[in-house]
PDB file of all heavy atoms in Angstrom:
ATOM      1  N   LYS A   1     -12.572  -1.292  11.729  1.00  0.00           N
ATOM      2  CA  LYS A   1     -13.185  -1.803  10.503  1.00  0.00           C
ATOM      3  C   LYS A   1     -12.271  -1.527   9.308  1.00  0.00           C
ATOM      4  O   LYS A   1     -11.696  -0.446   9.179  1.00  0.00           O
ATOM      5  CB  LYS A   1     -14.539  -1.126  10.302  1.00  0.00           C
ATOM      6  CG  LYS A   1     -15.266  -1.590   9.051  1.00  0.00           C
ATOM      7  CD  LYS A   1     -16.589  -0.856   8.895  1.00  0.00           C
ATOM      8  CE  LYS A   1     -17.285  -1.269   7.606  1.00  0.00           C
ATOM      9  NZ  LYS A   1     -18.570  -0.535   7.417  1.00  0.00           N
ATOM     10  N   ILE A   2     -12.159  -2.503   8.415  1.00  0.00           N
ATOM     11  CA  ILE A   2     -11.403  -2.340   7.176  1.00  0.00           C
ATOM     12  C   ILE A   2     -12.337  -1.729   6.139  1.00  0.00           C
ATOM     13  O   ILE A   2     -13.289  -2.372   5.677  1.00  0.00           O
ATOM     14  CB  ILE A   2     -10.828  -3.675   6.668  1.00  0.00           C
ATOM     15  CG1 ILE A   2      -9.936  -4.319   7.723  1.00  0.00           C
ATOM     16  CG2 ILE A   2     -10.064  -3.468   5.365  1.00  0.00           C
ATOM     17  CD1 ILE A   2      -8.682  -3.549   8.033  1.00  0.00           C
ATOM     18  N   VAL A   3     -12.092  -0.490   5.795  1.00  0.00           N
ATOM     19  CA  VAL A   3     -12.936   0.214   4.820  1.00  0.00           C
ATOM     20  C   VAL A   3     -12.440  -0.030   3.395  1.00  0.00           C
ATOM     21  O   VAL A   3     -13.228  -0.202   2.465  1.00  0.00           O
ATOM     22  CB  VAL A   3     -12.971   1.725   5.131  1.00  0.00           C
ATOM     23  CG1 VAL A   3     -13.840   2.473   4.123  1.00  0.00           C
ATOM     24  CG2 VAL A   3     -13.492   1.957   6.545  1.00  0.00           C
ATOM     25  N   TYR A   4     -11.112  -0.053   3.225  1.00  0.00           N
ATOM     26  CA  TYR A   4     -10.514  -0.278   1.902  1.00  0.00           C
ATOM     27  C   TYR A   4      -9.685  -1.564   1.963  1.00  0.00           C
ATOM     28  O   TYR A   4      -8.526  -1.544   2.404  1.00  0.00           O
ATOM     29  CB  TYR A   4      -9.630   0.901   1.498  1.00  0.00           C
ATOM     30  CG  TYR A   4     -10.357   2.220   1.442  1.00  0.00           C
ATOM     31  CD1 TYR A   4     -10.158   3.189   2.423  1.00  0.00           C
ATOM     32  CD2 TYR A   4     -11.253   2.491   0.421  1.00  0.00           C
ATOM     33  CE1 TYR A   4     -10.827   4.399   2.379  1.00  0.00           C
ATOM     34  CE2 TYR A   4     -11.935   3.697   0.366  1.00  0.00           C
ATOM     35  CZ  TYR A   4     -11.715   4.646   1.349  1.00  0.00           C
ATOM     36  OH  TYR A   4     -12.386   5.852   1.293  1.00  0.00           O
ATOM     37  N   PRO A   5     -10.251  -2.706   1.506  1.00  0.00           N
ATOM     38  CA  PRO A   5      -9.501  -3.977   1.566  1.00  0.00           C
ATOM     39  C   PRO A   5      -8.211  -3.945   0.749  1.00  0.00           C
ATOM     40  O   PRO A   5      -7.218  -4.564   1.135  1.00  0.00           O
ATOM     41  CB  PRO A   5     -10.491  -4.994   0.991  1.00  0.00           C
ATOM     42  CG  PRO A   5     -11.827  -4.353   1.136  1.00  0.00           C
ATOM     43  CD  PRO A   5     -11.611  -2.894   1.000  1.00  0.00           C
ATOM     44  N   ILE A   6      -8.235  -3.253  -0.385  1.00  0.00           N
ATOM     45  CA  ILE A   6      -7.024  -3.099  -1.203  1.00  0.00           C
ATOM     46  C   ILE A   6      -6.793  -1.611  -1.416  1.00  0.00           C
ATOM     47  O   ILE A   6      -7.609  -0.926  -2.040  1.00  0.00           O
ATOM     48  CB  ILE A   6      -7.155  -3.811  -2.562  1.00  0.00           C
ATOM     49  CG1 ILE A   6      -7.458  -5.298  -2.369  1.00  0.00           C
ATOM     50  CG2 ILE A   6      -5.874  -3.641  -3.375  1.00  0.00           C
ATOM     51  CD1 ILE A   6      -7.686  -6.042  -3.668  1.00  0.00           C
ATOM     52  N   CYS A   7      -5.711  -1.092  -0.860  1.00  0.00           N
ATOM     53  CA  CYS A   7      -5.417   0.335  -0.991  1.00  0.00           C
ATOM     54  C   CYS A   7      -3.908   0.528  -1.061  1.00  0.00           C
ATOM     55  O   CYS A   7      -3.138  -0.413  -0.830  1.00  0.00           O
ATOM     56  CB  CYS A   7      -6.008   1.142   0.173  1.00  0.00           C
ATOM     57  SG  CYS A   7      -5.327   0.703   1.790  1.00  0.00           S
ATOM     58  N   CYS A   8      -3.515   1.754  -1.372  1.00  0.00           N
ATOM     59  CA  CYS A   8      -2.093   2.052  -1.531  1.00  0.00           C
ATOM     60  C   CYS A   8      -1.750   3.339  -0.794  1.00  0.00           C
ATOM     61  O   CYS A   8      -2.480   4.333  -0.880  1.00  0.00           O
ATOM     62  CB  CYS A   8      -1.748   2.190  -3.015  1.00  0.00           C
ATOM     63  SG  CYS A   8      -0.023   2.618  -3.334  1.00  0.00           S
ATOM     64  N   GLY A   9      -0.650   3.317  -0.078  1.00  0.00           N
ATOM     65  CA  GLY A   9      -0.103   4.517   0.549  1.00  0.00           C
ATOM     66  C   GLY A   9       1.162   4.935  -0.179  1.00  0.00           C
ATOM     67  O   GLY A   9       1.985   4.089  -0.542  1.00  0.00           O
ATOM     68  N   MET A  10       1.310   6.229  -0.420  1.00  0.00           N
ATOM     69  CA  MET A  10       2.455   6.728  -1.182  1.00  0.00           C
ATOM     70  C   MET A  10       3.215   7.766  -0.387  1.00  0.00           C
ATOM     71  O   MET A  10       2.617   8.708   0.151  1.00  0.00           O
ATOM     72  CB  MET A  10       1.998   7.334  -2.517  1.00  0.00           C
ATOM     73  CG  MET A  10       1.544   6.323  -3.532  1.00  0.00           C
ATOM     74  SD  MET A  10       1.288   7.072  -5.152  1.00  0.00           S
ATOM     75  CE  MET A  10       0.982   5.614  -6.140  1.00  0.00           C
ATOM     76  N   ASP A  11       4.520   7.589  -0.333  1.00  0.00           N
ATOM     77  CA  ASP A  11       5.423   8.572   0.264  1.00  0.00           C
ATOM     78  C   ASP A  11       6.091   9.328  -0.887  1.00  0.00           C
ATOM     79  O   ASP A  11       6.899   8.756  -1.627  1.00  0.00           O
ATOM     80  CB  ASP A  11       6.457   7.877   1.144  1.00  0.00           C
ATOM     81  CG  ASP A  11       7.284   8.868   1.942  1.00  0.00           C
ATOM     82  OD1 ASP A  11       6.738   9.901   2.372  1.00  0.00           O
ATOM     83  OD2 ASP A  11       8.491   8.614   2.121  1.00  0.00           O
ATOM     84  N   VAL A  12       5.739  10.590  -1.054  1.00  0.00           N
ATOM     85  CA  VAL A  12       6.124  11.366  -2.237  1.00  0.00           C
ATOM     86  C   VAL A  12       7.360  12.211  -1.944  1.00  0.00           C
ATOM     87  O   VAL A  12       7.441  12.880  -0.907  1.00  0.00           O
ATOM     88  CB  VAL A  12       4.954  12.269  -2.692  1.00  0.00           C
ATOM     89  CG1 VAL A  12       5.346  13.083  -3.909  1.00  0.00           C
ATOM     90  CG2 VAL A  12       3.721  11.430  -2.984  1.00  0.00           C
ATOM     91  N   HIS A  13       8.304  12.183  -2.866  1.00  0.00           N
ATOM     92  CA  HIS A  13       9.500  13.017  -2.803  1.00  0.00           C
ATOM     93  C   HIS A  13       9.704  13.697  -4.148  1.00  0.00           C
ATOM     94  O   HIS A  13       8.963  13.456  -5.106  1.00  0.00           O
ATOM     95  CB  HIS A  13      10.728  12.168  -2.432  1.00  0.00           C
ATOM     96  CG  HIS A  13      10.616  11.492  -1.105  1.00  0.00           C
ATOM     97  ND1 HIS A  13      11.001  12.102   0.072  1.00  0.00           N
ATOM     98  CD2 HIS A  13      10.126  10.273  -0.768  1.00  0.00           C
ATOM     99  CE1 HIS A  13      10.770  11.278   1.077  1.00  0.00           C
ATOM    100  NE2 HIS A  13      10.240  10.159   0.602  1.00  0.00           N
ATOM    101  N   LYS A  14      10.719  14.526  -4.236  1.00  0.00           N
ATOM    102  CA  LYS A  14      10.968  15.271  -5.466  1.00  0.00           C
ATOM    103  C   LYS A  14      11.351  14.358  -6.628  1.00  0.00           C
ATOM    104  O   LYS A  14      10.821  14.491  -7.732  1.00  0.00           O
ATOM    105  CB  LYS A  14      12.075  16.309  -5.242  1.00  0.00           C
ATOM    106  CG  LYS A  14      12.400  17.128  -6.479  1.00  0.00           C
ATOM    107  CD  LYS A  14      13.529  18.108  -6.220  1.00  0.00           C
ATOM    108  CE  LYS A  14      13.865  18.901  -7.492  1.00  0.00           C
ATOM    109  NZ  LYS A  14      14.973  19.859  -7.264  1.00  0.00           N
ATOM    110  N   SER A  15      12.252  13.407  -6.380  1.00  0.00           N
ATOM    111  CA  SER A  15      12.788  12.590  -7.470  1.00  0.00           C
ATOM    112  C   SER A  15      12.271  11.159  -7.475  1.00  0.00           C
ATOM    113  O   SER A  15      12.513  10.429  -8.431  1.00  0.00           O
ATOM    114  CB  SER A  15      14.323  12.566  -7.402  1.00  0.00           C
ATOM    115  OG  SER A  15      14.755  12.109  -6.129  1.00  0.00           O
ATOM    116  N   PHE A  16      11.563  10.748  -6.436  1.00  0.00           N
ATOM    117  CA  PHE A  16      11.019   9.396  -6.422  1.00  0.00           C
ATOM    118  C   PHE A  16       9.800   9.331  -5.515  1.00  0.00           C
ATOM    119  O   PHE A  16       9.543  10.231  -4.709  1.00  0.00           O
ATOM    120  CB  PHE A  16      12.079   8.369  -5.965  1.00  0.00           C
ATOM    121  CG  PHE A  16      12.491   8.513  -4.527  1.00  0.00           C
ATOM    122  CD1 PHE A  16      11.834   7.825  -3.513  1.00  0.00           C
ATOM    123  CD2 PHE A  16      13.537   9.355  -4.171  1.00  0.00           C
ATOM    124  CE1 PHE A  16      12.217   7.956  -2.194  1.00  0.00           C
ATOM    125  CE2 PHE A  16      13.928   9.501  -2.854  1.00  0.00           C
ATOM    126  CZ  PHE A  16      13.267   8.800  -1.863  1.00  0.00           C
ATOM    127  N   VAL A  17       9.056   8.224  -5.685  1.00  0.00           N
ATOM    128  CA  VAL A  17       7.877   7.975  -4.856  1.00  0.00           C
ATOM    129  C   VAL A  17       7.888   6.508  -4.462  1.00  0.00           C
ATOM    130  O   VAL A  17       8.203   5.629  -5.269  1.00  0.00           O
ATOM    131  CB  VAL A  17       6.572   8.345  -5.603  1.00  0.00           C
ATOM    132  CG1 VAL A  17       6.475   7.612  -6.936  1.00  0.00           C
ATOM    133  CG2 VAL A  17       5.348   8.030  -4.766  1.00  0.00           C
ATOM    134  N   VAL A  18       7.591   6.234  -3.188  1.00  0.00           N
ATOM    135  CA  VAL A  18       7.516   4.869  -2.680  1.00  0.00           C
ATOM    136  C   VAL A  18       6.046   4.521  -2.482  1.00  0.00           C
ATOM    137  O   VAL A  18       5.329   5.216  -1.747  1.00  0.00           O
ATOM    138  CB  VAL A  18       8.285   4.713  -1.355  1.00  0.00           C
ATOM    139  CG1 VAL A  18       8.145   3.288  -0.827  1.00  0.00           C
ATOM    140  CG2 VAL A  18       9.747   5.066  -1.543  1.00  0.00           C
ATOM    141  N   ALA A  19       5.590   3.469  -3.155  1.00  0.00           N
ATOM    142  CA  ALA A  19       4.199   3.030  -3.073  1.00  0.00           C
ATOM    143  C   ALA A  19       4.124   1.707  -2.334  1.00  0.00           C
ATOM    144  O   ALA A  19       4.942   0.801  -2.568  1.00  0.00           O
ATOM    145  CB  ALA A  19       3.609   2.882  -4.468  1.00  0.00           C
ATOM    146  N   CYS A  20       3.149   1.598  -1.436  1.00  0.00           N
ATOM    147  CA  CYS A  20       2.954   0.373  -0.654  1.00  0.00           C
ATOM    148  C   CYS A  20       1.486  -0.035  -0.742  1.00  0.00           C
ATOM    149  O   CYS A  20       0.607   0.703  -0.284  1.00  0.00           O
ATOM    150  CB  CYS A  20       3.358   0.585   0.802  1.00  0.00           C
ATOM    151  SG  CYS A  20       3.107  -0.874   1.847  1.00  0.00           S
ATOM    152  N   ILE A  21       1.225  -1.195  -1.341  1.00  0.00           N
ATOM    153  CA  ILE A  21      -0.142  -1.709  -1.462  1.00  0.00           C
ATOM    154  C   ILE A  21      -0.439  -2.596  -0.257  1.00  0.00           C
ATOM    155  O   ILE A  21       0.321  -3.526   0.048  1.00  0.00           O
ATOM    156  CB  ILE A  21      -0.329  -2.498  -2.774  1.00  0.00           C
ATOM    157  CG1 ILE A  21      -0.182  -1.566  -3.979  1.00  0.00           C
ATOM    158  CG2 ILE A  21      -1.700  -3.177  -2.798  1.00  0.00           C
ATOM    159  CD1 ILE A  21      -0.286  -2.285  -5.307  1.00  0.00           C
ATOM    160  N   ALA A  22      -1.546  -2.309   0.433  1.00  0.00           N
ATOM    161  CA  ALA A  22      -1.997  -3.104   1.574  1.00  0.00           C
ATOM    162  C   ALA A  22      -3.254  -3.865   1.159  1.00  0.00           C
ATOM    163  O   ALA A  22      -4.287  -3.256   0.876  1.00  0.00           O
ATOM    164  CB  ALA A  22      -2.286  -2.206   2.776  1.00  0.00           C
ATOM    165  N   ALA A  23      -3.157  -5.203   1.079  1.00  0.00           N
ATOM    166  CA  ALA A  23      -4.284  -6.055   0.689  1.00  0.00           C
ATOM    167  C   ALA A  23      -4.722  -6.875   1.892  1.00  0.00           C
ATOM    168  O   ALA A  23      -3.935  -7.667   2.448  1.00  0.00           O
ATOM    169  CB  ALA A  23      -3.886  -6.960  -0.468  1.00  0.00           C
ATOM    170  N   THR A  24      -5.983  -6.724   2.319  1.00  0.00           N
ATOM    171  CA  THR A  24      -6.513  -7.406   3.499  1.00  0.00           C
ATOM    172  C   THR A  24      -7.510  -8.466   3.059  1.00  0.00           C
ATOM    173  O   THR A  24      -8.461  -8.168   2.314  1.00  0.00           O
ATOM    174  CB  THR A  24      -7.194  -6.404   4.448  1.00  0.00           C
ATOM    175  OG1 THR A  24      -6.286  -5.327   4.731  1.00  0.00           O
ATOM    176  CG2 THR A  24      -7.614  -7.067   5.736  1.00  0.00           C
ATOM    177  N   ASN A  25      -7.317  -9.710   3.514  1.00  0.00           N
ATOM    178  CA  ASN A  25      -8.227 -10.792   3.125  1.00  0.00           C
ATOM    179  C   ASN A  25      -9.432 -10.845   4.058  1.00  0.00           C
ATOM    180  O   ASN A  25      -9.586 -10.007   4.963  1.00  0.00           O
ATOM    181  CB  ASN A  25      -7.483 -12.146   3.096  1.00  0.00           C
ATOM    182  CG  ASN A  25      -6.876 -12.490   4.459  1.00  0.00           C
ATOM    183  OD1 ASN A  25      -7.307 -12.004   5.499  1.00  0.00           O
ATOM    184  ND2 ASN A  25      -5.866 -13.366   4.441  1.00  0.00           N
ATOM    185  N   GLY A  26     -10.280 -11.844   3.872  1.00  0.00           N
ATOM    186  CA  GLY A  26     -11.499 -11.959   4.667  1.00  0.00           C
ATOM    187  C   GLY A  26     -11.264 -12.275   6.129  1.00  0.00           C
ATOM    188  O   GLY A  26     -12.151 -12.066   6.969  1.00  0.00           O
ATOM    189  N   HIS A  27     -10.079 -12.750   6.474  1.00  0.00           N
ATOM    190  CA  HIS A  27      -9.751 -13.068   7.870  1.00  0.00           C
ATOM    191  C   HIS A  27      -9.077 -11.895   8.577  1.00  0.00           C
ATOM    192  O   HIS A  27      -8.653 -12.038   9.727  1.00  0.00           O
ATOM    193  CB  HIS A  27      -8.844 -14.297   7.925  1.00  0.00           C
ATOM    194  CG  HIS A  27      -9.452 -15.522   7.310  1.00  0.00           C
ATOM    195  ND1 HIS A  27     -10.493 -16.228   7.896  1.00  0.00           N
ATOM    196  CD2 HIS A  27      -9.187 -16.147   6.125  1.00  0.00           C
ATOM    197  CE1 HIS A  27     -10.829 -17.245   7.130  1.00  0.00           C
ATOM    198  NE2 HIS A  27     -10.054 -17.217   6.044  1.00  0.00           N
ATOM    199  N   GLY A  28      -8.951 -10.769   7.903  1.00  0.00           N
ATOM    200  CA  GLY A  28      -8.351  -9.591   8.519  1.00  0.00           C
ATOM    201  C   GLY A  28      -6.838  -9.567   8.476  1.00  0.00           C
ATOM    202  O   GLY A  28      -6.211  -8.739   9.155  1.00  0.00           O
ATOM    203  N   VAL A  29      -6.240 -10.449   7.674  1.00  0.00           N
ATOM    204  CA  VAL A  29      -4.784 -10.489   7.559  1.00  0.00           C
ATOM    205  C   VAL A  29      -4.357  -9.610   6.378  1.00  0.00           C
ATOM    206  O   VAL A  29      -4.871  -9.753   5.264  1.00  0.00           O
ATOM    207  CB  VAL A  29      -4.278 -11.930   7.357  1.00  0.00           C
ATOM    208  CG1 VAL A  29      -2.758 -11.955   7.199  1.00  0.00           C
ATOM    209  CG2 VAL A  29      -4.715 -12.805   8.526  1.00  0.00           C
ATOM    210  N   THR A  30      -3.419  -8.718   6.634  1.00  0.00           N
ATOM    211  CA  THR A  30      -2.978  -7.760   5.613  1.00  0.00           C
ATOM    212  C   THR A  30      -1.593  -8.129   5.113  1.00  0.00           C
ATOM    213  O   THR A  30      -0.681  -8.388   5.904  1.00  0.00           O
ATOM    214  CB  THR A  30      -2.950  -6.330   6.181  1.00  0.00           C
ATOM    215  OG1 THR A  30      -4.242  -5.991   6.697  1.00  0.00           O
ATOM    216  CG2 THR A  30      -2.581  -5.324   5.094  1.00  0.00           C
ATOM    217  N   THR A  31      -1.459  -8.178   3.786  1.00  0.00           N
ATOM    218  CA  THR A  31      -0.155  -8.376   3.157  1.00  0.00           C
ATOM    219  C   THR A  31       0.235  -7.098   2.422  1.00  0.00           C
ATOM    220  O   THR A  31      -0.627  -6.343   1.959  1.00  0.00           O
ATOM    221  CB  THR A  31      -0.204  -9.550   2.163  1.00  0.00           C
ATOM    222  OG1 THR A  31      -1.223  -9.307   1.186  1.00  0.00           O
ATOM    223  CG2 THR A  31      -0.483 -10.862   2.890  1.00  0.00           C
ATOM    224  N   TYR A  32       1.539  -6.882   2.316  1.00  0.00           N
ATOM    225  CA  TYR A  32       2.029  -5.625   1.763  1.00  0.00           C
ATOM    226  C   TYR A  32       2.950  -5.881   0.579  1.00  0.00           C
ATOM    227  O   TYR A  32       3.721  -6.866   0.562  1.00  0.00           O
ATOM    228  CB  TYR A  32       2.784  -4.836   2.837  1.00  0.00           C
ATOM    229  CG  TYR A  32       1.955  -4.504   4.060  1.00  0.00           C
ATOM    230  CD1 TYR A  32       1.965  -5.343   5.176  1.00  0.00           C
ATOM    231  CD2 TYR A  32       1.162  -3.364   4.100  1.00  0.00           C
ATOM    232  CE1 TYR A  32       1.201  -5.044   6.299  1.00  0.00           C
ATOM    233  CE2 TYR A  32       0.399  -3.054   5.210  1.00  0.00           C
ATOM    234  CZ  TYR A  32       0.425  -3.894   6.302  1.00  0.00           C
ATOM    235  OH  TYR A  32      -0.318  -3.595   7.408  1.00  0.00           O
ATOM    236  N   LYS A  33       2.860  -4.996  -0.404  1.00  0.00           N
ATOM    237  CA  LYS A  33       3.771  -4.973  -1.545  1.00  0.00           C
ATOM    238  C   LYS A  33       4.297  -3.555  -1.702  1.00  0.00           C
ATOM    239  O   LYS A  33       3.495  -2.612  -1.832  1.00  0.00           O
ATOM    240  CB  LYS A  33       3.065  -5.398  -2.836  1.00  0.00           C
ATOM    241  CG  LYS A  33       2.641  -6.845  -2.897  1.00  0.00           C
ATOM    242  CD  LYS A  33       1.993  -7.135  -4.239  1.00  0.00           C
ATOM    243  CE  LYS A  33       1.516  -8.572  -4.319  1.00  0.00           C
ATOM    244  NZ  LYS A  33       0.844  -8.845  -5.623  1.00  0.00           N
ATOM    245  N   SER A  34       5.594  -3.392  -1.695  1.00  0.00           N
ATOM    246  CA  SER A  34       6.192  -2.056  -1.815  1.00  0.00           C
ATOM    247  C   SER A  34       7.035  -1.989  -3.079  1.00  0.00           C
ATOM    248  O   SER A  34       7.685  -2.978  -3.467  1.00  0.00           O
ATOM    249  CB  SER A  34       7.053  -1.730  -0.599  1.00  0.00           C
ATOM    250  OG  SER A  34       6.268  -1.670   0.567  1.00  0.00           O
ATOM    251  N   LYS A  35       7.025  -0.814  -3.688  1.00  0.00           N
ATOM    252  CA  LYS A  35       7.828  -0.605  -4.887  1.00  0.00           C
ATOM    253  C   LYS A  35       8.180   0.865  -4.986  1.00  0.00           C
ATOM    254  O   LYS A  35       7.380   1.731  -4.613  1.00  0.00           O
ATOM    255  CB  LYS A  35       7.067  -1.058  -6.132  1.00  0.00           C
ATOM    256  CG  LYS A  35       7.966  -1.359  -7.320  1.00  0.00           C
ATOM    257  CD  LYS A  35       7.197  -2.097  -8.404  1.00  0.00           C
ATOM    258  CE  LYS A  35       8.117  -2.474  -9.559  1.00  0.00           C
ATOM    259  NZ  LYS A  35       7.403  -3.208 -10.626  1.00  0.00           N
ATOM    260  N   ARG A  36       9.366   1.115  -5.519  1.00  0.00           N
ATOM    261  CA  ARG A  36       9.839   2.495  -5.655  1.00  0.00           C
ATOM    262  C   ARG A  36       9.862   2.878  -7.131  1.00  0.00           C
ATOM    263  O   ARG A  36      10.325   2.104  -7.979  1.00  0.00           O
ATOM    264  CB  ARG A  36      11.227   2.633  -5.036  1.00  0.00           C
ATOM    265  CG  ARG A  36      11.890   3.980  -5.256  1.00  0.00           C
ATOM    266  CD  ARG A  36      13.131   4.097  -4.396  1.00  0.00           C
ATOM    267  NE  ARG A  36      13.967   5.224  -4.800  1.00  0.00           N
ATOM    268  CZ  ARG A  36      14.908   5.763  -4.051  1.00  0.00           C
ATOM    269  NH1 ARG A  36      15.123   5.280  -2.843  1.00  0.00           N
ATOM    270  NH2 ARG A  36      15.632   6.768  -4.471  1.00  0.00           N
ATOM    271  N   PHE A  37       9.340   4.091  -7.411  1.00  0.00           N
ATOM    272  CA  PHE A  37       9.302   4.602  -8.777  1.00  0.00           C
ATOM    273  C   PHE A  37       9.941   5.990  -8.802  1.00  0.00           C
ATOM    274  O   PHE A  37       9.845   6.748  -7.833  1.00  0.00           O
ATOM    275  CB  PHE A  37       7.862   4.707  -9.292  1.00  0.00           C
ATOM    276  CG  PHE A  37       7.115   3.405  -9.300  1.00  0.00           C
ATOM    277  CD1 PHE A  37       6.382   3.007  -8.184  1.00  0.00           C
ATOM    278  CD2 PHE A  37       7.143   2.572 -10.408  1.00  0.00           C
ATOM    279  CE1 PHE A  37       5.684   1.813  -8.182  1.00  0.00           C
ATOM    280  CE2 PHE A  37       6.446   1.368 -10.412  1.00  0.00           C
ATOM    281  CZ  PHE A  37       5.717   0.984  -9.296  1.00  0.00           C
ATOM    282  N   SER A  38      10.585   6.300  -9.923  1.00  0.00           N
ATOM    283  CA  SER A  38      11.070   7.665 -10.108  1.00  0.00           C
ATOM    284  C   SER A  38       9.887   8.559 -10.495  1.00  0.00           C
ATOM    285  O   SER A  38       8.805   8.071 -10.823  1.00  0.00           O
ATOM    286  CB  SER A  38      12.149   7.714 -11.189  1.00  0.00           C
ATOM    287  OG  SER A  38      11.568   7.547 -12.473  1.00  0.00           O
TER     288      SER A  38
END
């Protein structure tokens, strides 16, 4: 079951963090957007 249709996972480091947004539509298809921030 998809509990969070739009959520973000973060990989945390000392000098930067990588964020990945997972957006799931009504058909169960998930698209991803990733971005790196200092």
